[in-house]
Amino acid sequence: MNHPSYLKDVVTLKLDQEKCTGCGMCLEVCPHEVFRMNTRHAEIQNRDACMECGACSRNCPFEAISVRAGVGCAAAMINVILGRTDQPCCGEPDCASSAKKSAACCG
């Protein structure tokens, strides 16, 4: 599945390999296929595709994943959808990669 990449290297997503048991819950709930399973544990395969929704961290039974939900591009998209702003600061509400993004809202 082809998912947009947001800003490079700004995602707050972290995976603690020591806590991960390889249950695969993060793979099930992640809407952008950020994770993959190696032989024993989950690993992050595409950090920049993470929209910081928080589904992975809220559903990890072993607290191996942390992410600050609602920051970055996810917050910008939600604010546009909810009508809290009439100008998406990233150009379009999907925050697809662009050189004209504002670091204030998408970073």
PDB file of N, CA and C in Angstrom:
ATOM      1  N   MET A   1       0.841  -1.176   0.000  1.00  0.00           N
ATOM      2  CA  MET A   1       0.000   0.000   0.000  1.00  0.00           C
ATOM      3  C   MET A   1       0.886   1.238   0.000  1.00  0.00           C
ATOM      4  N   ASN A   2       0.562   2.213  -0.829  1.00  0.00           N
ATOM      5  CA  ASN A   2       1.349   3.431  -0.937  1.00  0.00           C
ATOM      6  C   ASN A   2       0.787   4.496  -0.008  1.00  0.00           C
ATOM      7  N   HIS A   3       1.561   4.914   0.975  1.00  0.00           N
ATOM      8  CA  HIS A   3       1.127   5.924   1.938  1.00  0.00           C
ATOM      9  C   HIS A   3       1.998   7.151   1.807  1.00  0.00           C
ATOM     10  N   PRO A   4       1.435   8.317   2.116  1.00  0.00           N
ATOM     11  CA  PRO A   4       2.232   9.544   2.022  1.00  0.00           C
ATOM     12  C   PRO A   4       3.350   9.560   3.055  1.00  0.00           C
ATOM     13  N   SER A   5       4.394  10.241   2.727  1.00  0.00           N
ATOM     14  CA  SER A   5       5.467  10.487   3.672  1.00  0.00           C
ATOM     15  C   SER A   5       5.321  11.930   4.106  1.00  0.00           C
ATOM     16  N   TYR A   6       5.403  12.174   5.392  1.00  0.00           N
ATOM     17  CA  TYR A   6       5.219  13.508   5.916  1.00  0.00           C
ATOM     18  C   TYR A   6       6.581  14.194   5.959  1.00  0.00           C
ATOM     19  N   LEU A   7       6.937  14.855   6.984  1.00  0.00           N
ATOM     20  CA  LEU A   7       8.246  15.488   7.064  1.00  0.00           C
ATOM     21  C   LEU A   7       9.296  14.481   7.501  1.00  0.00           C
ATOM     22  N   LYS A   8      10.470  14.589   6.978  1.00  0.00           N
ATOM     23  CA  LYS A   8      11.552  13.664   7.303  1.00  0.00           C
ATOM     24  C   LYS A   8      12.074  13.900   8.720  1.00  0.00           C
ATOM     25  N   ASP A   9      12.217  12.819   9.443  1.00  0.00           N
ATOM     26  CA  ASP A   9      12.886  12.806  10.748  1.00  0.00           C
ATOM     27  C   ASP A   9      12.285  13.730  11.802  1.00  0.00           C
ATOM     28  N   VAL A  10      10.962  13.890  11.834  1.00  0.00           N
ATOM     29  CA  VAL A  10      10.328  14.712  12.868  1.00  0.00           C
ATOM     30  C   VAL A  10       9.350  13.917  13.731  1.00  0.00           C
ATOM     31  N   VAL A  11       9.080  12.691  13.387  1.00  0.00           N
ATOM     32  CA  VAL A  11       8.090  11.879  14.094  1.00  0.00           C
ATOM     33  C   VAL A  11       8.587  11.526  15.498  1.00  0.00           C
ATOM     34  N   THR A  12       7.685  11.552  16.462  1.00  0.00           N
ATOM     35  CA  THR A  12       8.030  11.251  17.857  1.00  0.00           C
ATOM     36  C   THR A  12       7.954   9.765  18.175  1.00  0.00           C
ATOM     37  N   LEU A  13       7.693   8.935  17.202  1.00  0.00           N
ATOM     38  CA  LEU A  13       7.525   7.489  17.369  1.00  0.00           C
ATOM     39  C   LEU A  13       8.810   6.818  17.853  1.00  0.00           C
ATOM     40  N   LYS A  14       8.667   5.982  18.898  1.00  0.00           N
ATOM     41  CA  LYS A  14       9.798   5.197  19.413  1.00  0.00           C
ATOM     42  C   LYS A  14       9.322   3.787  19.715  1.00  0.00           C
ATOM     43  N   LEU A  15      10.169   2.819  19.438  1.00  0.00           N
ATOM     44  CA  LEU A  15       9.890   1.413  19.720  1.00  0.00           C
ATOM     45  C   LEU A  15      10.999   0.854  20.589  1.00  0.00           C
ATOM     46  N   ASP A  16      10.638   0.344  21.760  1.00  0.00           N
ATOM     47  CA  ASP A  16      11.595  -0.252  22.692  1.00  0.00           C
ATOM     48  C   ASP A  16      11.684  -1.744  22.409  1.00  0.00           C
ATOM     49  N   GLN A  17      12.740  -2.161  21.750  1.00  0.00           N
ATOM     50  CA  GLN A  17      12.918  -3.573  21.372  1.00  0.00           C
ATOM     51  C   GLN A  17      12.979  -4.496  22.586  1.00  0.00           C
ATOM     52  N   GLU A  18      13.433  -3.977  23.716  1.00  0.00           N
ATOM     53  CA  GLU A  18      13.519  -4.789  24.928  1.00  0.00           C
ATOM     54  C   GLU A  18      12.136  -5.177  25.450  1.00  0.00           C
ATOM     55  N   LYS A  19      11.153  -4.304  25.270  1.00  0.00           N
ATOM     56  CA  LYS A  19       9.795  -4.565  25.743  1.00  0.00           C
ATOM     57  C   LYS A  19       8.938  -5.298  24.723  1.00  0.00           C
ATOM     58  N   CYS A  20       9.293  -5.207  23.454  1.00  0.00           N
ATOM     59  CA  CYS A  20       8.494  -5.815  22.387  1.00  0.00           C
ATOM     60  C   CYS A  20       8.559  -7.339  22.466  1.00  0.00           C
ATOM     61  N   THR A  21       7.382  -7.974  22.440  1.00  0.00           N
ATOM     62  CA  THR A  21       7.312  -9.436  22.478  1.00  0.00           C
ATOM     63  C   THR A  21       6.991 -10.031  21.115  1.00  0.00           C
ATOM     64  N   GLY A  22       6.719  -9.181  20.135  1.00  0.00           N
ATOM     65  CA  GLY A  22       6.383  -9.669  18.806  1.00  0.00           C
ATOM     66  C   GLY A  22       4.928 -10.068  18.649  1.00  0.00           C
ATOM     67  N   CYS A  23       4.037  -9.496  19.457  1.00  0.00           N
ATOM     68  CA  CYS A  23       2.617  -9.867  19.388  1.00  0.00           C
ATOM     69  C   CYS A  23       1.964  -9.416  18.085  1.00  0.00           C
ATOM     70  N   GLY A  24       2.491  -8.375  17.451  1.00  0.00           N
ATOM     71  CA  GLY A  24       1.976  -7.907  16.167  1.00  0.00           C
ATOM     72  C   GLY A  24       0.800  -6.953  16.241  1.00  0.00           C
ATOM     73  N   MET A  25       0.402  -6.538  17.432  1.00  0.00           N
ATOM     74  CA  MET A  25      -0.733  -5.627  17.549  1.00  0.00           C
ATOM     75  C   MET A  25      -0.482  -4.323  16.809  1.00  0.00           C
ATOM     76  N   CYS A  26       0.734  -3.813  16.842  1.00  0.00           N
ATOM     77  CA  CYS A  26       1.041  -2.558  16.158  1.00  0.00           C
ATOM     78  C   CYS A  26       0.824  -2.682  14.647  1.00  0.00           C
ATOM     79  N   LEU A  27       1.129  -3.834  14.086  1.00  0.00           N
ATOM     80  CA  LEU A  27       0.902  -4.061  12.663  1.00  0.00           C
ATOM     81  C   LEU A  27      -0.582  -4.049  12.341  1.00  0.00           C
ATOM     82  N   GLU A  28      -1.385  -4.548  13.252  1.00  0.00           N
ATOM     83  CA  GLU A  28      -2.834  -4.616  13.049  1.00  0.00           C
ATOM     84  C   GLU A  28      -3.488  -3.246  13.070  1.00  0.00           C
ATOM     85  N   VAL A  29      -3.044  -2.360  13.965  1.00  0.00           N
ATOM     86  CA  VAL A  29      -3.746  -1.090  14.166  1.00  0.00           C
ATOM     87  C   VAL A  29      -3.152   0.090  13.407  1.00  0.00           C
ATOM     88  N   CYS A  30      -1.958  -0.034  12.903  1.00  0.00           N
ATOM     89  CA  CYS A  30      -1.315   1.090  12.207  1.00  0.00           C
ATOM     90  C   CYS A  30      -1.945   1.289  10.824  1.00  0.00           C
ATOM     91  N   PRO A  31      -2.524   2.476  10.570  1.00  0.00           N
ATOM     92  CA  PRO A  31      -3.171   2.704   9.280  1.00  0.00           C
ATOM     93  C   PRO A  31      -2.197   2.941   8.125  1.00  0.00           C
ATOM     94  N   HIS A  32      -0.920   3.154   8.426  1.00  0.00           N
ATOM     95  CA  HIS A  32       0.045   3.461   7.370  1.00  0.00           C
ATOM     96  C   HIS A  32       1.178   2.450   7.249  1.00  0.00           C
ATOM     97  N   GLU A  33       0.991   1.275   7.817  1.00  0.00           N
ATOM     98  CA  GLU A  33       1.988   0.202   7.696  1.00  0.00           C
ATOM     99  C   GLU A  33       3.398   0.677   8.055  1.00  0.00           C
ATOM    100  N   VAL A  34       3.499   1.361   9.184  1.00  0.00           N
ATOM    101  CA  VAL A  34       4.783   1.874   9.654  1.00  0.00           C
ATOM    102  C   VAL A  34       5.657   0.738  10.180  1.00  0.00           C
ATOM    103  N   PHE A  35       5.037  -0.316  10.699  1.00  0.00           N
ATOM    104  CA  PHE A  35       5.767  -1.419  11.324  1.00  0.00           C
ATOM    105  C   PHE A  35       5.816  -2.648  10.430  1.00  0.00           C
ATOM    106  N   ARG A  36       6.808  -3.481  10.683  1.00  0.00           N
ATOM    107  CA  ARG A  36       6.882  -4.811  10.081  1.00  0.00           C
ATOM    108  C   ARG A  36       7.406  -5.747  11.151  1.00  0.00           C
ATOM    109  N   MET A  37       7.225  -7.017  10.942  1.00  0.00           N
ATOM    110  CA  MET A  37       7.683  -8.015  11.894  1.00  0.00           C
ATOM    111  C   MET A  37       8.970  -8.629  11.373  1.00  0.00           C
ATOM    112  N   ASN A  38      10.001  -8.639  12.223  1.00  0.00           N
ATOM    113  CA  ASN A  38      11.190  -9.394  11.852  1.00  0.00           C
ATOM    114  C   ASN A  38      11.000 -10.790  12.445  1.00  0.00           C
ATOM    115  N   THR A  39      12.001 -11.553  12.654  1.00  0.00           N
ATOM    116  CA  THR A  39      11.812 -12.921  13.123  1.00  0.00           C
ATOM    117  C   THR A  39      11.212 -13.031  14.516  1.00  0.00           C
ATOM    118  N   ARG A  40      11.445 -12.035  15.386  1.00  0.00           N
ATOM    119  CA  ARG A  40      10.956 -12.135  16.757  1.00  0.00           C
ATOM    120  C   ARG A  40      10.244 -10.901  17.289  1.00  0.00           C
ATOM    121  N   HIS A  41      10.465  -9.759  16.673  1.00  0.00           N
ATOM    122  CA  HIS A  41       9.940  -8.505  17.199  1.00  0.00           C
ATOM    123  C   HIS A  41       9.433  -7.621  16.068  1.00  0.00           C
ATOM    124  N   ALA A  42       8.632  -6.655  16.447  1.00  0.00           N
ATOM    125  CA  ALA A  42       8.231  -5.626  15.491  1.00  0.00           C
ATOM    126  C   ALA A  42       9.403  -4.675  15.312  1.00  0.00           C
ATOM    127  N   GLU A  43       9.428  -4.032  14.173  1.00  0.00           N
ATOM    128  CA  GLU A  43      10.414  -2.991  13.931  1.00  0.00           C
ATOM    129  C   GLU A  43       9.773  -1.911  13.073  1.00  0.00           C
ATOM    130  N   ILE A  44      10.327  -0.741  13.143  1.00  0.00           N
ATOM    131  CA  ILE A  44       9.811   0.377  12.358  1.00  0.00           C
ATOM    132  C   ILE A  44      10.407   0.285  10.966  1.00  0.00           C
ATOM    133  N   GLN A  45       9.518   0.178   9.963  1.00  0.00           N
ATOM    134  CA  GLN A  45      10.012   0.082   8.591  1.00  0.00           C
ATOM    135  C   GLN A  45       9.942   1.413   7.845  1.00  0.00           C
ATOM    136  N   ASN A  46       9.024   2.305   8.264  1.00  0.00           N
ATOM    137  CA  ASN A  46       8.893   3.581   7.580  1.00  0.00           C
ATOM    138  C   ASN A  46       8.438   4.650   8.572  1.00  0.00           C
ATOM    139  N   ARG A  47       9.350   5.140   9.366  1.00  0.00           N
ATOM    140  CA  ARG A  47       9.060   6.136  10.404  1.00  0.00           C
ATOM    141  C   ARG A  47       8.394   7.380   9.825  1.00  0.00           C
ATOM    142  N   ASP A  48       8.822   7.831   8.672  1.00  0.00           N
ATOM    143  CA  ASP A  48       8.294   9.066   8.095  1.00  0.00           C
ATOM    144  C   ASP A  48       6.852   8.934   7.597  1.00  0.00           C
ATOM    145  N   ALA A  49       6.325   7.722   7.506  1.00  0.00           N
ATOM    146  CA  ALA A  49       4.919   7.525   7.119  1.00  0.00           C
ATOM    147  C   ALA A  49       3.993   7.642   8.328  1.00  0.00           C
ATOM    148  N   CYS A  50       4.540   7.698   9.523  1.00  0.00           N
ATOM    149  CA  CYS A  50       3.737   7.787  10.748  1.00  0.00           C
ATOM    150  C   CYS A  50       3.035   9.129  10.818  1.00  0.00           C
ATOM    151  N   MET A  51       1.708   9.106  11.039  1.00  0.00           N
ATOM    152  CA  MET A  51       0.951  10.343  11.185  1.00  0.00           C
ATOM    153  C   MET A  51       0.685  10.669  12.647  1.00  0.00           C
ATOM    154  N   GLU A  52       1.324   9.942  13.538  1.00  0.00           N
ATOM    155  CA  GLU A  52       1.257  10.179  14.980  1.00  0.00           C
ATOM    156  C   GLU A  52      -0.172  10.113  15.530  1.00  0.00           C
ATOM    157  N   CYS A  53      -0.947   9.156  15.037  1.00  0.00           N
ATOM    158  CA  CYS A  53      -2.323   9.014  15.522  1.00  0.00           C
ATOM    159  C   CYS A  53      -2.366   8.400  16.918  1.00  0.00           C
ATOM    160  N   GLY A  54      -1.341   7.624  17.283  1.00  0.00           N
ATOM    161  CA  GLY A  54      -1.258   7.038  18.612  1.00  0.00           C
ATOM    162  C   GLY A  54      -1.888   5.665  18.755  1.00  0.00           C
ATOM    163  N   ALA A  55      -2.447   5.120  17.684  1.00  0.00           N
ATOM    164  CA  ALA A  55      -3.101   3.812  17.771  1.00  0.00           C
ATOM    165  C   ALA A  55      -2.133   2.724  18.222  1.00  0.00           C
ATOM    166  N   CYS A  56      -0.922   2.758  17.758  1.00  0.00           N
ATOM    167  CA  CYS A  56       0.053   1.725  18.109  1.00  0.00           C
ATOM    168  C   CYS A  56       0.385   1.757  19.598  1.00  0.00           C
ATOM    169  N   SER A  57       0.649   2.954  20.115  1.00  0.00           N
ATOM    170  CA  SER A  57       1.033   3.046  21.530  1.00  0.00           C
ATOM    171  C   SER A  57      -0.132   2.727  22.455  1.00  0.00           C
ATOM    172  N   ARG A  58      -1.334   3.131  22.081  1.00  0.00           N
ATOM    173  CA  ARG A  58      -2.506   2.840  22.926  1.00  0.00           C
ATOM    174  C   ARG A  58      -2.866   1.363  22.922  1.00  0.00           C
ATOM    175  N   ASN A  59      -2.508   0.648  21.882  1.00  0.00           N
ATOM    176  CA  ASN A  59      -2.885  -0.760  21.764  1.00  0.00           C
ATOM    177  C   ASN A  59      -1.759  -1.737  22.054  1.00  0.00           C
ATOM    178  N   CYS A  60      -0.564  -1.261  22.326  1.00  0.00           N
ATOM    179  CA  CYS A  60       0.548  -2.156  22.644  1.00  0.00           C
ATOM    180  C   CYS A  60       0.395  -2.647  24.084  1.00  0.00           C
ATOM    181  N   PRO A  61       0.150  -3.940  24.271  1.00  0.00           N
ATOM    182  CA  PRO A  61      -0.066  -4.463  25.626  1.00  0.00           C
ATOM    183  C   PRO A  61       1.195  -4.466  26.486  1.00  0.00           C
ATOM    184  N   PHE A  62       2.352  -4.237  25.888  1.00  0.00           N
ATOM    185  CA  PHE A  62       3.608  -4.303  26.625  1.00  0.00           C
ATOM    186  C   PHE A  62       4.290  -2.935  26.752  1.00  0.00           C
ATOM    187  N   GLU A  63       3.582  -1.875  26.329  1.00  0.00           N
ATOM    188  CA  GLU A  63       4.093  -0.502  26.407  1.00  0.00           C
ATOM    189  C   GLU A  63       5.466  -0.348  25.758  1.00  0.00           C
ATOM    190  N   ALA A  64       5.632  -1.029  24.623  1.00  0.00           N
ATOM    191  CA  ALA A  64       6.901  -0.973  23.905  1.00  0.00           C
ATOM    192  C   ALA A  64       6.968   0.197  22.931  1.00  0.00           C
ATOM    193  N   ILE A  65       5.829   0.841  22.677  1.00  0.00           N
ATOM    194  CA  ILE A  65       5.774   1.916  21.695  1.00  0.00           C
ATOM    195  C   ILE A  65       5.340   3.211  22.369  1.00  0.00           C
ATOM    196  N   SER A  66       6.007   4.280  22.007  1.00  0.00           N
ATOM    197  CA  SER A  66       5.590   5.600  22.483  1.00  0.00           C
ATOM    198  C   SER A  66       5.543   6.553  21.295  1.00  0.00           C
ATOM    199  N   VAL A  67       4.566   7.436  21.325  1.00  0.00           N
ATOM    200  CA  VAL A  67       4.426   8.473  20.307  1.00  0.00           C
ATOM    201  C   VAL A  67       3.579   9.586  20.908  1.00  0.00           C
ATOM    202  N   ARG A  68       3.924  10.806  20.624  1.00  0.00           N
ATOM    203  CA  ARG A  68       3.133  11.946  21.098  1.00  0.00           C
ATOM    204  C   ARG A  68       2.015  12.174  20.101  1.00  0.00           C
ATOM    205  N   ALA A  69       0.878  11.578  20.367  1.00  0.00           N
ATOM    206  CA  ALA A  69      -0.263  11.664  19.457  1.00  0.00           C
ATOM    207  C   ALA A  69      -0.765  13.092  19.340  1.00  0.00           C
ATOM    208  N   GLY A  70      -1.159  13.460  18.124  1.00  0.00           N
ATOM    209  CA  GLY A  70      -1.746  14.766  17.893  1.00  0.00           C
ATOM    210  C   GLY A  70      -0.755  15.877  17.645  1.00  0.00           C
ATOM    211  N   VAL A  71       0.475  15.550  17.338  1.00  0.00           N
ATOM    212  CA  VAL A  71       1.464  16.579  17.007  1.00  0.00           C
ATOM    213  C   VAL A  71       1.799  16.472  15.527  1.00  0.00           C
ATOM    214  N   GLY A  72       2.520  17.410  15.026  1.00  0.00           N
ATOM    215  CA  GLY A  72       2.967  17.355  13.646  1.00  0.00           C
ATOM    216  C   GLY A  72       1.829  17.443  12.646  1.00  0.00           C
ATOM    217  N   CYS A  73       1.979  16.742  11.533  1.00  0.00           N
ATOM    218  CA  CYS A  73       1.010  16.816  10.443  1.00  0.00           C
ATOM    219  C   CYS A  73      -0.350  16.275  10.835  1.00  0.00           C
ATOM    220  N   ALA A  74      -0.414  15.301  11.727  1.00  0.00           N
ATOM    221  CA  ALA A  74      -1.708  14.764  12.146  1.00  0.00           C
ATOM    222  C   ALA A  74      -2.550  15.867  12.771  1.00  0.00           C
ATOM    223  N   ALA A  75      -1.948  16.680  13.618  1.00  0.00           N
ATOM    224  CA  ALA A  75      -2.686  17.778  14.247  1.00  0.00           C
ATOM    225  C   ALA A  75      -3.137  18.791  13.204  1.00  0.00           C
ATOM    226  N   ALA A  76      -2.305  19.089  12.232  1.00  0.00           N
ATOM    227  CA  ALA A  76      -2.680  20.038  11.180  1.00  0.00           C
ATOM    228  C   ALA A  76      -3.864  19.520  10.384  1.00  0.00           C
ATOM    229  N   MET A  77      -3.839  18.250  10.023  1.00  0.00           N
ATOM    230  CA  MET A  77      -4.949  17.672   9.255  1.00  0.00           C
ATOM    231  C   MET A  77      -6.239  17.690  10.063  1.00  0.00           C
ATOM    232  N   ILE A  78      -6.169  17.331  11.322  1.00  0.00           N
ATOM    233  CA  ILE A  78      -7.358  17.314  12.180  1.00  0.00           C
ATOM    234  C   ILE A  78      -7.932  18.711  12.327  1.00  0.00           C
ATOM    235  N   ASN A  79      -7.090  19.710  12.536  1.00  0.00           N
ATOM    236  CA  ASN A  79      -7.564  21.083  12.684  1.00  0.00           C
ATOM    237  C   ASN A  79      -8.273  21.581  11.423  1.00  0.00           C
ATOM    238  N   VAL A  80      -7.777  21.215  10.248  1.00  0.00           N
ATOM    239  CA  VAL A  80      -8.428  21.614   8.998  1.00  0.00           C
ATOM    240  C   VAL A  80      -9.774  20.907   8.871  1.00  0.00           C
ATOM    241  N   ILE A  81      -9.812  19.623   9.138  1.00  0.00           N
ATOM    242  CA  ILE A  81     -11.057  18.853   9.026  1.00  0.00           C
ATOM    243  C   ILE A  81     -12.115  19.382   9.991  1.00  0.00           C
ATOM    244  N   LEU A  82     -11.708  19.736  11.199  1.00  0.00           N
ATOM    245  CA  LEU A  82     -12.643  20.234  12.199  1.00  0.00           C
ATOM    246  C   LEU A  82     -12.986  21.710  12.013  1.00  0.00           C
ATOM    247  N   GLY A  83     -12.367  22.355  11.038  1.00  0.00           N
ATOM    248  CA  GLY A  83     -12.673  23.751  10.768  1.00  0.00           C
ATOM    249  C   GLY A  83     -12.051  24.721  11.752  1.00  0.00           C
ATOM    250  N   ARG A  84     -11.050  24.291  12.480  1.00  0.00           N
ATOM    251  CA  ARG A  84     -10.386  25.179  13.447  1.00  0.00           C
ATOM    252  C   ARG A  84      -9.492  26.196  12.762  1.00  0.00           C
ATOM    253  N   THR A  85      -9.172  25.935  11.536  1.00  0.00           N
ATOM    254  CA  THR A  85      -8.390  26.873  10.748  1.00  0.00           C
ATOM    255  C   THR A  85      -8.888  26.802   9.318  1.00  0.00           C
ATOM    256  N   ASP A  86      -8.842  27.914   8.618  1.00  0.00           N
ATOM    257  CA  ASP A  86      -9.285  27.893   7.226  1.00  0.00           C
ATOM    258  C   ASP A  86      -8.110  27.764   6.267  1.00  0.00           C
ATOM    259  N   GLN A  87      -6.907  27.793   6.792  1.00  0.00           N
ATOM    260  CA  GLN A  87      -5.734  27.645   5.943  1.00  0.00           C
ATOM    261  C   GLN A  87      -4.856  26.514   6.450  1.00  0.00           C
ATOM    262  N   PRO A  88      -4.833  25.406   5.742  1.00  0.00           N
ATOM    263  CA  PRO A  88      -3.903  24.354   6.134  1.00  0.00           C
ATOM    264  C   PRO A  88      -2.482  24.849   5.945  1.00  0.00           C
ATOM    265  N   CYS A  89      -1.727  24.861   7.007  1.00  0.00           N
ATOM    266  CA  CYS A  89      -0.386  25.438   6.960  1.00  0.00           C
ATOM    267  C   CYS A  89       0.583  24.599   6.145  1.00  0.00           C
ATOM    268  N   CYS A  90       0.187  23.438   5.781  1.00  0.00           N
ATOM    269  CA  CYS A  90       1.073  22.563   5.012  1.00  0.00           C
ATOM    270  C   CYS A  90       0.723  22.587   3.535  1.00  0.00           C
ATOM    271  N   GLY A  91      -0.143  23.466   3.109  1.00  0.00           N
ATOM    272  CA  GLY A  91      -0.545  23.513   1.713  1.00  0.00           C
ATOM    273  C   GLY A  91      -1.857  22.786   1.516  1.00  0.00           C
ATOM    274  N   GLU A  92      -1.880  21.518   1.685  1.00  0.00           N
ATOM    275  CA  GLU A  92      -3.076  20.692   1.547  1.00  0.00           C
ATOM    276  C   GLU A  92      -3.295  19.934   2.843  1.00  0.00           C
ATOM    277  N   PRO A  93      -4.534  19.595   3.168  1.00  0.00           N
ATOM    278  CA  PRO A  93      -4.791  18.888   4.416  1.00  0.00           C
ATOM    279  C   PRO A  93      -4.143  17.517   4.522  1.00  0.00           C
ATOM    280  N   ASP A  94      -3.678  16.960   3.426  1.00  0.00           N
ATOM    281  CA  ASP A  94      -3.066  15.635   3.521  1.00  0.00           C
ATOM    282  C   ASP A  94      -1.593  15.692   3.902  1.00  0.00           C
ATOM    283  N   CYS A  95      -1.028  16.867   3.959  1.00  0.00           N
ATOM    284  CA  CYS A  95       0.383  17.044   4.344  1.00  0.00           C
ATOM    285  C   CYS A  95       1.343  16.209   3.508  1.00  0.00           C
ATOM    286  N   ALA A  96       0.979  15.895   2.280  1.00  0.00           N
ATOM    287  CA  ALA A  96       1.887  15.130   1.436  1.00  0.00           C
ATOM    288  C   ALA A  96       3.185  15.897   1.283  1.00  0.00           C
ATOM    289  N   SER A  97       4.251  15.197   1.031  1.00  0.00           N
ATOM    290  CA  SER A  97       5.570  15.825   0.996  1.00  0.00           C
ATOM    291  C   SER A  97       5.609  17.016   0.060  1.00  0.00           C
ATOM    292  N   SER A  98       6.178  18.095   0.550  1.00  0.00           N
ATOM    293  CA  SER A  98       6.306  19.324  -0.227  1.00  0.00           C
ATOM    294  C   SER A  98       7.421  20.160   0.377  1.00  0.00           C
ATOM    295  N   ALA A  99       8.116  20.887  -0.445  1.00  0.00           N
ATOM    296  CA  ALA A  99       9.203  21.735   0.042  1.00  0.00           C
ATOM    297  C   ALA A  99       8.672  23.011   0.675  1.00  0.00           C
ATOM    298  N   LYS A 100       7.370  23.282   0.548  1.00  0.00           N
ATOM    299  CA  LYS A 100       6.803  24.539   1.041  1.00  0.00           C
ATOM    300  C   LYS A 100       6.099  24.399   2.378  1.00  0.00           C
ATOM    301  N   LYS A 101       6.305  23.355   3.112  1.00  0.00           N
ATOM    302  CA  LYS A 101       5.620  23.143   4.386  1.00  0.00           C
ATOM    303  C   LYS A 101       6.112  24.104   5.450  1.00  0.00           C
ATOM    304  N   SER A 102       5.226  24.424   6.347  1.00  0.00           N
ATOM    305  CA  SER A 102       5.598  25.278   7.481  1.00  0.00           C
ATOM    306  C   SER A 102       6.053  24.421   8.638  1.00  0.00           C
ATOM    307  N   ALA A 103       7.235  24.640   9.134  1.00  0.00           N
ATOM    308  CA  ALA A 103       7.748  23.863  10.266  1.00  0.00           C
ATOM    309  C   ALA A 103       6.946  24.131  11.531  1.00  0.00           C
ATOM    310  N   ALA A 104       6.264  25.260  11.610  1.00  0.00           N
ATOM    311  CA  ALA A 104       5.491  25.595  12.799  1.00  0.00           C
ATOM    312  C   ALA A 104       4.321  24.643  13.018  1.00  0.00           C
ATOM    313  N   CYS A 105       3.697  24.150  11.956  1.00  0.00           N
ATOM    314  CA  CYS A 105       2.548  23.275  12.155  1.00  0.00           C
ATOM    315  C   CYS A 105       2.861  21.834  11.822  1.00  0.00           C
ATOM    316  N   CYS A 106       3.761  21.598  10.944  1.00  0.00           N
ATOM    317  CA  CYS A 106       4.018  20.230  10.501  1.00  0.00           C
ATOM    318  C   CYS A 106       5.253  19.634  11.148  1.00  0.00           C
ATOM    319  N   GLY A 107       5.928  20.324  11.962  1.00  0.00           N
ATOM    320  CA  GLY A 107       7.132  19.804  12.565  1.00  0.00           C
ATOM    321  C   GLY A 107       6.943  19.656  13.974  1.00  0.00           C
TER     322      GLY A 107
END
